[in-house]
Amino acid sequence: MQEVKTENEQKKEFLMSYQLAKRDVTRLEEQLAELRIGKMSPGCEIGDGLPHAHNATDLSSYAAKVDGLEREIVAARYRRICAFERVRNCIEALEDEREKLLLTYRYLRGMRWTAICEKMDYSWQHLHKIHARALKNFKTCD
């Protein structure tokens, strides 16, 4: 029994890989936006109006940070696309259309169980029976 649970957990982890990759991209994009907002916001220092050497800013370190984050975002977007294709191809290998639809809604679109119940017009219990059957029939395509 424990073996089946471990196998199902591994399958769920594989299926969730796209959503995780998607969150990584979002997180990096938010970091970049915060970095840009922080640089565009003027400082609130009140001074005597005279130039001070310690207030001089060097944009090269800012540009390097932005460039580094942009490169990370490009790499993360590529990983997201690859994860999507892997998961989608494995889902499409299933024979049952209801199983395909359920796994697509849950793991590719990231829908909540209640929304999937409404969309597919099944009870929560019936939907979970379909999900259990889908996991049983699911094979990772790595």
N, C-alpha and C. Protein backbone atom coordinates (compact mmCIF):
# COMPACT_ATOMS: atom_id res chain seq x y z
N MET A 1 0.83 -1.20 0.00
CA MET A 1 0.00 0.00 0.00
C MET A 1 0.87 1.26 0.00
N GLN A 2 1.92 1.26 0.81
CA GLN A 2 2.83 2.40 0.88
C GLN A 2 3.51 2.63 -0.47
N GLU A 3 3.81 1.56 -1.20
CA GLU A 3 4.43 1.66 -2.51
C GLU A 3 3.55 2.44 -3.48
N VAL A 4 2.25 2.14 -3.48
CA VAL A 4 1.31 2.81 -4.37
C VAL A 4 1.26 4.30 -4.03
N LYS A 5 1.22 4.62 -2.74
CA LYS A 5 1.17 6.02 -2.34
C LYS A 5 2.43 6.75 -2.79
N THR A 6 3.56 6.13 -2.62
CA THR A 6 4.81 6.75 -3.04
C THR A 6 4.82 6.96 -4.55
N GLU A 7 4.35 5.97 -5.28
CA GLU A 7 4.29 6.09 -6.74
C GLU A 7 3.32 7.21 -7.14
N ASN A 8 2.16 7.27 -6.49
CA ASN A 8 1.20 8.34 -6.80
C ASN A 8 1.75 9.71 -6.44
N GLU A 9 2.46 9.79 -5.33
CA GLU A 9 3.06 11.06 -4.93
C GLU A 9 4.10 11.50 -5.96
N GLN A 10 4.86 10.57 -6.49
CA GLN A 10 5.84 10.89 -7.52
C GLN A 10 5.15 11.37 -8.79
N LYS A 11 4.04 10.75 -9.13
CA LYS A 11 3.29 11.16 -10.31
C LYS A 11 2.73 12.57 -10.12
N LYS A 12 2.19 12.84 -8.93
CA LYS A 12 1.65 14.17 -8.65
C LYS A 12 2.77 15.22 -8.70
N GLU A 13 3.92 14.87 -8.16
CA GLU A 13 5.05 15.79 -8.19
C GLU A 13 5.46 16.12 -9.62
N PHE A 14 5.49 15.09 -10.47
CA PHE A 14 5.80 15.31 -11.88
C PHE A 14 4.73 16.21 -12.52
N LEU A 15 3.47 15.91 -12.25
CA LEU A 15 2.39 16.70 -12.83
C LEU A 15 2.42 18.15 -12.35
N MET A 16 2.86 18.37 -11.11
CA MET A 16 2.93 19.72 -10.56
C MET A 16 4.16 20.49 -11.03
N SER A 17 5.07 19.82 -11.73
CA SER A 17 6.31 20.49 -12.15
C SER A 17 6.04 21.72 -13.02
N TYR A 18 4.99 21.69 -13.81
CA TYR A 18 4.68 22.87 -14.64
C TYR A 18 4.25 24.04 -13.76
N GLN A 19 3.36 23.79 -12.80
CA GLN A 19 2.89 24.87 -11.93
C GLN A 19 4.04 25.45 -11.12
N LEU A 20 4.97 24.61 -10.69
CA LEU A 20 6.14 25.09 -9.95
C LEU A 20 7.03 25.97 -10.84
N ALA A 21 7.24 25.53 -12.07
CA ALA A 21 8.04 26.31 -13.01
C ALA A 21 7.37 27.65 -13.31
N LYS A 22 6.06 27.63 -13.40
CA LYS A 22 5.28 28.84 -13.64
C LYS A 22 5.43 29.82 -12.48
N ARG A 23 5.40 29.30 -11.25
CA ARG A 23 5.57 30.15 -10.06
C ARG A 23 6.97 30.74 -10.00
N ASP A 24 7.98 29.97 -10.42
CA ASP A 24 9.35 30.48 -10.44
C ASP A 24 9.47 31.70 -11.34
N VAL A 25 8.86 31.62 -12.52
CA VAL A 25 8.89 32.74 -13.46
C VAL A 25 8.22 33.97 -12.84
N THR A 26 7.06 33.76 -12.26
CA THR A 26 6.33 34.87 -11.64
C THR A 26 7.15 35.51 -10.53
N ARG A 27 7.77 34.69 -9.69
CA ARG A 27 8.59 35.19 -8.59
C ARG A 27 9.75 36.04 -9.11
N LEU A 28 10.43 35.57 -10.14
CA LEU A 28 11.56 36.31 -10.71
C LEU A 28 11.09 37.62 -11.35
N GLU A 29 9.96 37.57 -12.04
CA GLU A 29 9.43 38.79 -12.67
C GLU A 29 9.04 39.82 -11.61
N GLU A 30 8.51 39.35 -10.48
CA GLU A 30 8.17 40.26 -9.38
C GLU A 30 9.44 40.89 -8.79
N GLN A 31 10.50 40.10 -8.66
CA GLN A 31 11.76 40.63 -8.14
C GLN A 31 12.31 41.71 -9.07
N LEU A 32 12.23 41.48 -10.36
CA LEU A 32 12.71 42.46 -11.34
C LEU A 32 11.89 43.75 -11.24
N ALA A 33 10.58 43.60 -11.13
CA ALA A 33 9.71 44.78 -11.02
C ALA A 33 10.05 45.58 -9.76
N GLU A 34 10.28 44.88 -8.64
CA GLU A 34 10.64 45.57 -7.40
C GLU A 34 11.97 46.29 -7.54
N LEU A 35 12.92 45.65 -8.19
CA LEU A 35 14.23 46.27 -8.41
C LEU A 35 14.09 47.54 -9.23
N ARG A 36 13.29 47.47 -10.28
CA ARG A 36 13.09 48.64 -11.14
C ARG A 36 12.35 49.76 -10.41
N ILE A 37 11.34 49.41 -9.65
CA ILE A 37 10.58 50.42 -8.90
C ILE A 37 11.49 51.09 -7.88
N GLY A 38 12.30 50.30 -7.20
CA GLY A 38 13.22 50.85 -6.21
C GLY A 38 14.21 51.82 -6.81
N LYS A 39 14.64 51.57 -8.01
CA LYS A 39 15.61 52.45 -8.65
C LYS A 39 14.95 53.71 -9.19
N MET A 40 13.69 53.60 -9.60
CA MET A 40 12.99 54.76 -10.16
C MET A 40 12.49 55.70 -9.08
N SER A 41 12.27 55.20 -7.87
CA SER A 41 11.76 56.04 -6.79
C SER A 41 12.85 56.97 -6.30
N PRO A 42 12.55 58.23 -6.21
CA PRO A 42 13.56 59.16 -5.74
C PRO A 42 13.80 58.99 -4.25
N GLY A 43 15.01 59.29 -3.84
CA GLY A 43 15.34 59.23 -2.42
C GLY A 43 14.63 60.34 -1.67
N CYS A 44 14.44 60.16 -0.40
CA CYS A 44 13.72 61.14 0.41
C CYS A 44 14.66 61.91 1.32
N GLU A 45 15.92 61.94 0.99
CA GLU A 45 16.89 62.61 1.85
C GLU A 45 16.76 64.12 1.72
N ILE A 46 16.79 64.77 2.86
CA ILE A 46 16.76 66.23 2.87
C ILE A 46 18.19 66.67 3.16
N GLY A 47 18.72 67.46 2.29
CA GLY A 47 20.10 67.87 2.46
C GLY A 47 20.24 69.38 2.41
N ASP A 48 21.44 69.83 2.37
CA ASP A 48 21.70 71.27 2.34
C ASP A 48 21.82 71.79 0.92
N GLY A 49 21.57 70.93 -0.06
CA GLY A 49 21.63 71.37 -1.44
C GLY A 49 23.00 71.28 -2.05
N LEU A 50 23.98 70.93 -1.26
CA LEU A 50 25.33 70.83 -1.78
C LEU A 50 25.61 69.39 -2.22
N PRO A 51 26.39 69.20 -3.27
CA PRO A 51 26.70 67.85 -3.72
C PRO A 51 27.56 67.12 -2.69
N HIS A 52 27.28 65.87 -2.50
CA HIS A 52 28.03 65.03 -1.58
C HIS A 52 28.48 63.78 -2.31
N ALA A 53 29.68 63.36 -2.12
CA ALA A 53 30.23 62.20 -2.82
C ALA A 53 29.52 60.92 -2.44
N HIS A 54 29.05 60.81 -1.20
CA HIS A 54 28.41 59.57 -0.78
C HIS A 54 27.03 59.38 -1.41
N ASN A 55 26.46 60.41 -2.02
CA ASN A 55 25.16 60.29 -2.68
C ASN A 55 25.29 59.91 -4.15
N ALA A 56 26.49 59.86 -4.65
CA ALA A 56 26.68 59.51 -6.07
C ALA A 56 26.26 58.06 -6.28
N THR A 57 25.53 57.83 -7.34
CA THR A 57 25.06 56.47 -7.61
C THR A 57 25.77 55.92 -8.83
N ASP A 58 26.05 54.65 -8.75
CA ASP A 58 26.70 53.95 -9.86
C ASP A 58 25.66 53.02 -10.48
N LEU A 59 25.26 53.32 -11.70
CA LEU A 59 24.23 52.54 -12.36
C LEU A 59 24.74 51.20 -12.88
N SER A 60 26.04 51.00 -12.90
CA SER A 60 26.56 49.74 -13.45
C SER A 60 26.16 48.54 -12.59
N SER A 61 26.15 48.70 -11.26
CA SER A 61 25.74 47.56 -10.42
C SER A 61 24.24 47.30 -10.57
N TYR A 62 23.45 48.36 -10.71
CA TYR A 62 22.02 48.21 -10.96
C TYR A 62 21.79 47.50 -12.30
N ALA A 63 22.48 47.94 -13.33
CA ALA A 63 22.34 47.33 -14.66
C ALA A 63 22.75 45.86 -14.63
N ALA A 64 23.80 45.54 -13.87
CA ALA A 64 24.24 44.15 -13.76
C ALA A 64 23.18 43.30 -13.07
N LYS A 65 22.55 43.85 -12.03
CA LYS A 65 21.49 43.12 -11.33
C LYS A 65 20.29 42.89 -12.25
N VAL A 66 19.90 43.93 -12.97
CA VAL A 66 18.77 43.81 -13.91
C VAL A 66 19.09 42.78 -14.98
N ASP A 67 20.29 42.86 -15.53
CA ASP A 67 20.69 41.92 -16.58
C ASP A 67 20.69 40.48 -16.05
N GLY A 68 21.21 40.30 -14.85
CA GLY A 68 21.23 38.96 -14.25
C GLY A 68 19.84 38.40 -14.04
N LEU A 69 18.94 39.24 -13.53
CA LEU A 69 17.55 38.79 -13.33
C LEU A 69 16.86 38.51 -14.65
N GLU A 70 17.10 39.35 -15.66
CA GLU A 70 16.48 39.11 -16.97
C GLU A 70 16.95 37.79 -17.57
N ARG A 71 18.22 37.47 -17.38
CA ARG A 71 18.74 36.19 -17.87
C ARG A 71 18.10 35.02 -17.11
N GLU A 72 17.94 35.18 -15.80
CA GLU A 72 17.28 34.13 -15.00
C GLU A 72 15.84 33.94 -15.46
N ILE A 73 15.17 35.04 -15.77
CA ILE A 73 13.78 34.97 -16.22
C ILE A 73 13.68 34.22 -17.55
N VAL A 74 14.58 34.52 -18.48
CA VAL A 74 14.58 33.82 -19.77
C VAL A 74 14.79 32.32 -19.55
N ALA A 75 15.74 31.96 -18.71
CA ALA A 75 16.00 30.55 -18.42
C ALA A 75 14.80 29.90 -17.74
N ALA A 76 14.17 30.61 -16.80
CA ALA A 76 13.01 30.07 -16.09
C ALA A 76 11.83 29.91 -17.04
N ARG A 77 11.67 30.83 -17.97
CA ARG A 77 10.58 30.71 -18.96
C ARG A 77 10.81 29.49 -19.85
N TYR A 78 12.04 29.24 -20.21
CA TYR A 78 12.35 28.06 -21.03
C TYR A 78 12.05 26.78 -20.24
N ARG A 79 12.43 26.76 -18.96
CA ARG A 79 12.12 25.59 -18.12
C ARG A 79 10.62 25.39 -17.99
N ARG A 80 9.88 26.51 -17.89
CA ARG A 80 8.41 26.43 -17.80
C ARG A 80 7.82 25.82 -19.06
N ILE A 81 8.31 26.24 -20.22
CA ILE A 81 7.82 25.71 -21.49
C ILE A 81 8.12 24.22 -21.60
N CYS A 82 9.32 23.84 -21.23
CA CYS A 82 9.71 22.42 -21.28
C CYS A 82 8.86 21.59 -20.34
N ALA A 83 8.62 22.10 -19.13
CA ALA A 83 7.79 21.37 -18.16
C ALA A 83 6.37 21.23 -18.68
N PHE A 84 5.85 22.29 -19.29
CA PHE A 84 4.50 22.24 -19.86
C PHE A 84 4.41 21.14 -20.92
N GLU A 85 5.38 21.13 -21.83
CA GLU A 85 5.36 20.13 -22.91
C GLU A 85 5.47 18.71 -22.37
N ARG A 86 6.35 18.49 -21.39
CA ARG A 86 6.49 17.15 -20.81
C ARG A 86 5.20 16.68 -20.17
N VAL A 87 4.62 17.54 -19.34
CA VAL A 87 3.39 17.18 -18.63
C VAL A 87 2.25 16.98 -19.62
N ARG A 88 2.10 17.90 -20.56
CA ARG A 88 1.01 17.80 -21.54
C ARG A 88 1.12 16.53 -22.37
N ASN A 89 2.32 16.21 -22.82
CA ASN A 89 2.51 15.00 -23.62
C ASN A 89 2.14 13.74 -22.84
N CYS A 90 2.49 13.70 -21.59
CA CYS A 90 2.15 12.53 -20.76
C CYS A 90 0.65 12.45 -20.52
N ILE A 91 0.02 13.60 -20.30
CA ILE A 91 -1.45 13.60 -20.13
C ILE A 91 -2.13 13.14 -21.40
N GLU A 92 -1.66 13.62 -22.54
CA GLU A 92 -2.26 13.24 -23.82
C GLU A 92 -2.09 11.76 -24.13
N ALA A 93 -1.14 11.09 -23.49
CA ALA A 93 -0.94 9.66 -23.72
C ALA A 93 -2.03 8.80 -23.06
N LEU A 94 -2.80 9.40 -22.15
CA LEU A 94 -3.90 8.67 -21.52
C LEU A 94 -4.99 8.38 -22.54
N GLU A 95 -5.71 7.31 -22.34
CA GLU A 95 -6.77 6.94 -23.28
C GLU A 95 -8.11 7.60 -22.95
N ASP A 96 -8.43 7.68 -21.67
CA ASP A 96 -9.73 8.20 -21.23
C ASP A 96 -9.76 9.73 -21.31
N GLU A 97 -10.75 10.27 -22.02
CA GLU A 97 -10.85 11.71 -22.22
C GLU A 97 -11.15 12.46 -20.92
N ARG A 98 -11.97 11.84 -20.04
CA ARG A 98 -12.27 12.50 -18.76
C ARG A 98 -11.01 12.64 -17.92
N GLU A 99 -10.18 11.60 -17.93
CA GLU A 99 -8.92 11.64 -17.19
C GLU A 99 -8.00 12.73 -17.75
N LYS A 100 -7.92 12.81 -19.06
CA LYS A 100 -7.10 13.85 -19.70
C LYS A 100 -7.58 15.23 -19.30
N LEU A 101 -8.90 15.44 -19.39
CA LEU A 101 -9.47 16.73 -19.09
C LEU A 101 -9.24 17.11 -17.63
N LEU A 102 -9.46 16.17 -16.73
CA LEU A 102 -9.25 16.42 -15.31
C LEU A 102 -7.81 16.79 -15.00
N LEU A 103 -6.86 16.02 -15.52
CA LEU A 103 -5.45 16.30 -15.26
C LEU A 103 -5.02 17.62 -15.91
N THR A 104 -5.58 17.93 -17.05
CA THR A 104 -5.28 19.21 -17.71
C THR A 104 -5.77 20.37 -16.86
N TYR A 105 -7.02 20.29 -16.40
CA TYR A 105 -7.56 21.36 -15.56
C TYR A 105 -6.75 21.53 -14.27
N ARG A 106 -6.42 20.41 -13.64
CA ARG A 106 -5.76 20.47 -12.33
C ARG A 106 -4.28 20.86 -12.43
N TYR A 107 -3.56 20.22 -13.34
CA TYR A 107 -2.10 20.37 -13.33
C TYR A 107 -1.54 21.33 -14.38
N LEU A 108 -2.26 21.58 -15.45
CA LEU A 108 -1.78 22.55 -16.44
C LEU A 108 -2.43 23.92 -16.24
N ARG A 109 -3.71 23.92 -15.97
CA ARG A 109 -4.39 25.19 -15.75
C ARG A 109 -4.37 25.62 -14.29
N GLY A 110 -4.05 24.68 -13.39
CA GLY A 110 -3.94 25.02 -11.97
C GLY A 110 -5.28 25.32 -11.32
N MET A 111 -6.35 24.74 -11.82
CA MET A 111 -7.68 25.00 -11.28
C MET A 111 -7.87 24.29 -9.93
N ARG A 112 -8.71 24.85 -9.09
CA ARG A 112 -9.05 24.25 -7.81
C ARG A 112 -10.09 23.14 -8.03
N TRP A 113 -10.14 22.23 -7.07
CA TRP A 113 -11.04 21.08 -7.20
C TRP A 113 -12.50 21.52 -7.37
N THR A 114 -12.93 22.52 -6.63
CA THR A 114 -14.33 22.96 -6.72
C THR A 114 -14.65 23.50 -8.12
N ALA A 115 -13.72 24.23 -8.69
CA ALA A 115 -13.93 24.77 -10.04
C ALA A 115 -13.98 23.64 -11.07
N ILE A 116 -13.15 22.63 -10.87
CA ILE A 116 -13.16 21.48 -11.79
C ILE A 116 -14.47 20.73 -11.67
N CYS A 117 -14.98 20.57 -10.45
CA CYS A 117 -16.28 19.92 -10.24
C CYS A 117 -17.37 20.63 -11.04
N GLU A 118 -17.39 21.95 -10.95
CA GLU A 118 -18.39 22.73 -11.67
C GLU A 118 -18.20 22.60 -13.18
N LYS A 119 -16.97 22.71 -13.62
CA LYS A 119 -16.68 22.68 -15.06
C LYS A 119 -17.02 21.32 -15.68
N MET A 120 -16.70 20.25 -14.96
CA MET A 120 -16.94 18.90 -15.50
C MET A 120 -18.29 18.34 -15.10
N ASP A 121 -18.98 19.05 -14.21
CA ASP A 121 -20.31 18.64 -13.73
C ASP A 121 -20.28 17.27 -13.04
N TYR A 122 -19.33 17.10 -12.14
CA TYR A 122 -19.22 15.90 -11.32
C TYR A 122 -19.17 16.30 -9.86
N SER A 123 -19.57 15.37 -9.00
CA SER A 123 -19.42 15.63 -7.57
C SER A 123 -17.94 15.55 -7.21
N TRP A 124 -17.62 16.11 -6.04
CA TRP A 124 -16.24 16.10 -5.56
C TRP A 124 -15.74 14.67 -5.45
N GLN A 125 -16.57 13.77 -4.90
CA GLN A 125 -16.18 12.37 -4.71
C GLN A 125 -15.95 11.67 -6.04
N HIS A 126 -16.85 11.88 -7.00
CA HIS A 126 -16.69 11.24 -8.30
C HIS A 126 -15.44 11.75 -9.00
N LEU A 127 -15.21 13.04 -8.87
CA LEU A 127 -14.02 13.63 -9.49
C LEU A 127 -12.74 13.01 -8.92
N HIS A 128 -12.70 12.77 -7.63
CA HIS A 128 -11.53 12.17 -7.02
C HIS A 128 -11.36 10.69 -7.41
N LYS A 129 -12.45 10.03 -7.70
CA LYS A 129 -12.35 8.66 -8.21
C LYS A 129 -11.72 8.67 -9.61
N ILE A 130 -12.15 9.63 -10.43
CA ILE A 130 -11.56 9.77 -11.77
C ILE A 130 -10.08 10.12 -11.64
N HIS A 131 -9.75 10.99 -10.69
CA HIS A 131 -8.36 11.38 -10.47
C HIS A 131 -7.51 10.18 -10.06
N ALA A 132 -8.04 9.36 -9.15
CA ALA A 132 -7.31 8.17 -8.70
C ALA A 132 -7.07 7.22 -9.87
N ARG A 133 -8.08 7.05 -10.70
CA ARG A 133 -7.95 6.18 -11.89
C ARG A 133 -6.95 6.78 -12.87
N ALA A 134 -6.98 8.09 -13.03
CA ALA A 134 -6.04 8.76 -13.94
C ALA A 134 -4.60 8.57 -13.46
N LEU A 135 -4.38 8.70 -12.15
CA LEU A 135 -3.04 8.49 -11.62
C LEU A 135 -2.58 7.04 -11.81
N LYS A 136 -3.52 6.12 -11.65
CA LYS A 136 -3.19 4.70 -11.84
C LYS A 136 -2.77 4.44 -13.29
N ASN A 137 -3.45 5.07 -14.23
CA ASN A 137 -3.16 4.88 -15.66
C ASN A 137 -2.03 5.75 -16.17
N PHE A 138 -1.65 6.75 -15.40
CA PHE A 138 -0.65 7.73 -15.83
C PHE A 138 0.75 7.14 -15.80
N LYS A 139 1.50 7.43 -16.85
CA LYS A 139 2.90 7.03 -16.92
C LYS A 139 3.72 8.25 -17.32
N THR A 140 4.78 8.51 -16.55
CA THR A 140 5.63 9.65 -16.91
C THR A 140 6.38 9.32 -18.20
N CYS A 141 6.56 10.32 -19.02
CA CYS A 141 7.12 10.14 -20.36
C CYS A 141 8.55 10.62 -20.46
N ASP A 142 9.26 10.74 -19.37
CA ASP A 142 10.64 11.29 -19.42
C ASP A 142 11.54 10.51 -20.30
